Protein backbone atom coordinates (compact mmCIF):
# COMPACT_ATOMS: atom_id res chain seq x y z
CA MET A 1 -14.41 -9.87 -24.88
CA GLU A 2 -11.46 -9.21 -22.61
CA LYS A 3 -9.68 -5.18 -22.20
CA GLU A 4 -6.52 -5.31 -22.67
CA LEU A 5 -4.04 -3.28 -20.81
CA ASP A 6 -1.20 -0.90 -20.48
CA VAL A 7 1.02 -1.46 -18.01
CA LYS A 8 2.13 1.81 -17.94
CA ASP A 9 -1.56 3.44 -18.13
CA LEU A 10 -2.40 0.76 -15.29
CA CYS A 11 0.49 1.09 -13.09
CA LYS A 12 -0.37 5.53 -13.08
CA GLN A 13 -4.30 4.34 -12.60
CA ILE A 14 -3.66 2.36 -9.51
CA THR A 15 -0.85 4.88 -7.96
CA ASN A 16 -3.34 7.57 -8.21
CA TYR A 17 -5.90 5.44 -6.55
CA THR A 18 -3.81 4.30 -3.75
CA GLY A 19 -2.93 7.61 -3.32
CA ASN A 20 -6.59 9.34 -3.16
CA LEU A 21 -8.16 6.26 -0.89
CA ILE A 22 -4.65 6.71 1.33
CA ARG A 23 -5.63 10.43 1.39
CA LEU A 24 -9.71 9.22 2.21
CA ILE A 25 -8.58 7.25 4.89
CA ARG A 26 -5.89 9.86 6.49
CA ARG A 27 -8.84 12.68 6.68
CA ASP A 28 -11.43 10.44 8.20
CA HIS A 29 -9.25 9.42 10.76
CA HIS A 30 -8.31 12.56 11.07
CA VAL A 31 -4.82 12.37 11.08
CA GLU A 32 -2.29 15.69 9.66
CA ILE A 33 -0.37 15.13 7.10
CA LYS A 34 2.68 16.51 9.23
CA ASN A 35 1.76 13.37 11.57
CA ILE A 36 2.21 10.83 9.79
CA ALA A 37 4.67 11.85 7.64
CA LYS A 38 7.16 12.24 10.67
CA GLU A 39 6.43 8.80 12.02
CA LEU A 40 7.00 7.34 8.23
CA GLY A 41 10.01 9.71 8.17
CA VAL A 42 9.60 11.66 5.18
CA SER A 43 8.33 15.30 4.53
CA ILE A 44 5.45 16.46 3.78
CA GLN A 45 5.73 17.08 0.79
CA GLN A 46 6.53 13.82 -0.52
CA PHE A 47 3.76 12.09 1.30
CA ARG A 48 1.46 14.59 -0.92
CA LYS A 49 3.25 13.48 -3.53
CA TYR A 50 1.77 9.46 -2.58
CA GLU A 51 -1.90 11.10 -1.80
CA MET A 52 -1.43 13.21 -5.52
CA GLY A 53 -0.11 9.38 -6.99
CA GLU A 54 2.86 11.90 -8.07
CA ASN A 55 4.87 8.99 -6.68
CA ARG A 56 4.59 5.16 -6.48
CA ILE A 57 5.07 4.39 -2.71
CA CYS A 58 6.60 1.07 -2.11
CA ILE A 59 4.28 -1.49 -0.53
CA ALA A 60 7.09 -1.20 2.56
CA ARG A 61 5.58 1.48 2.90
CA LEU A 62 1.99 1.20 2.08
CA LEU A 63 2.01 -0.67 4.89
CA LEU A 64 3.63 1.28 7.45
CA ILE A 65 0.88 4.06 6.15
CA LEU A 66 -2.01 1.85 6.69
CA ASN A 67 -0.45 0.27 9.81
CA HIS A 68 -0.37 3.88 10.98
CA LEU A 69 -3.87 4.60 10.56
CA LYS A 70 -5.29 1.70 11.93
CA TYR A 71 -6.41 0.36 8.81
CA ASP A 72 -5.95 -3.51 6.90
CA ILE A 73 -3.89 -4.03 3.96
CA HIS A 74 -6.38 -6.69 2.86
CA THR A 75 -9.74 -4.12 3.30
CA PHE A 76 -7.87 -0.79 1.60
CA ILE A 77 -7.28 -3.66 -1.11
CA VAL A 78 -11.17 -4.42 -1.63
CA ASP A 79 -11.75 -0.65 -1.04
CA LEU A 80 -9.13 0.17 -3.77
CA MET A 81 -11.12 -2.25 -5.92
CA LYS A 82 -13.93 -1.84 -5.50
CA ILE A 83 -13.74 2.49 -4.99
CA HIS A 84 -12.21 2.70 -8.91
CA ASP A 85 -13.72 -0.52 -10.53
CA ILE A 86 -10.42 -1.83 -10.97
CA SER A 87 -11.98 -5.95 -10.97
CA TYR A 88 -11.00 -6.06 -14.55
CA MET A 89 -7.70 -6.60 -13.33
CA PRO A 90 -5.71 -10.30 -14.14
CA ILE A 91 -5.27 -11.61 -10.67
CA GLN A 92 -2.60 -14.39 -10.56
CA LYS A 93 -3.89 -16.76 -7.63
CA LYS A 94 -0.92 -18.80 -6.56
CA PRO A 95 0.21 -20.72 -3.29
CA ALA A 96 0.85 -17.62 -0.57
CA PHE A 97 4.09 -17.74 0.16
CA LYS A 98 5.66 -20.69 -2.33
CA ASN A 99 9.20 -18.12 -2.30
CA VAL A 100 9.60 -18.08 1.26
CA GLU A 101 12.40 -20.59 0.87
CA LYS A 102 14.33 -18.47 -1.27
CA LEU A 103 14.94 -15.94 1.27
CA ASN A 104 18.18 -16.46 2.95
CA SER A 105 18.69 -16.14 6.71
CA ASP A 106 18.94 -12.77 7.02
CA GLN A 107 16.19 -11.65 4.91
CA TYR A 108 13.26 -14.61 6.76
CA LYS A 109 14.89 -12.41 9.87
CA LEU A 110 13.86 -8.86 8.28
CA VAL A 111 10.50 -9.84 7.54
CA GLU A 112 9.85 -11.33 10.88
CA LYS A 113 10.78 -8.00 12.35
CA LEU A 114 8.86 -5.89 10.26
CA ILE A 115 6.00 -8.29 10.68
CA LYS A 116 6.82 -8.33 14.35
CA ASN A 117 6.82 -4.82 14.56
CA LEU A 118 3.54 -3.86 12.16
CA THR A 119 1.12 -6.64 13.79
CA LYS A 120 2.57 -5.46 17.84
CA ASN A 121 0.15 -1.90 17.76
CA ASN A 122 -3.00 -3.75 16.73
């Protein structure tokens, strides 16, 4: 029988798990909070709230954090699911980039710029 998921609880769990895993990676890489917070343009208190799961992390911020820590997003998601046994989450498999054509030219340029900036350091 499939588990019935409460979306609000699931979001809170994933927020907590994400913060915990970021903290583990940051400590493993010997990165101080003050350094990564400064790099990301957030306060130390805000970054602590991310790590404690008190504040959600948008995908753009998560990509920047992982880039700073030199940690691949795919590996992060796989680790997140393994460590916290959230493999029961329903994942819909859809073709990648299905909605890219819906971006206007300015949005597309911003996405390209973000990808270029994230990949130039690796």
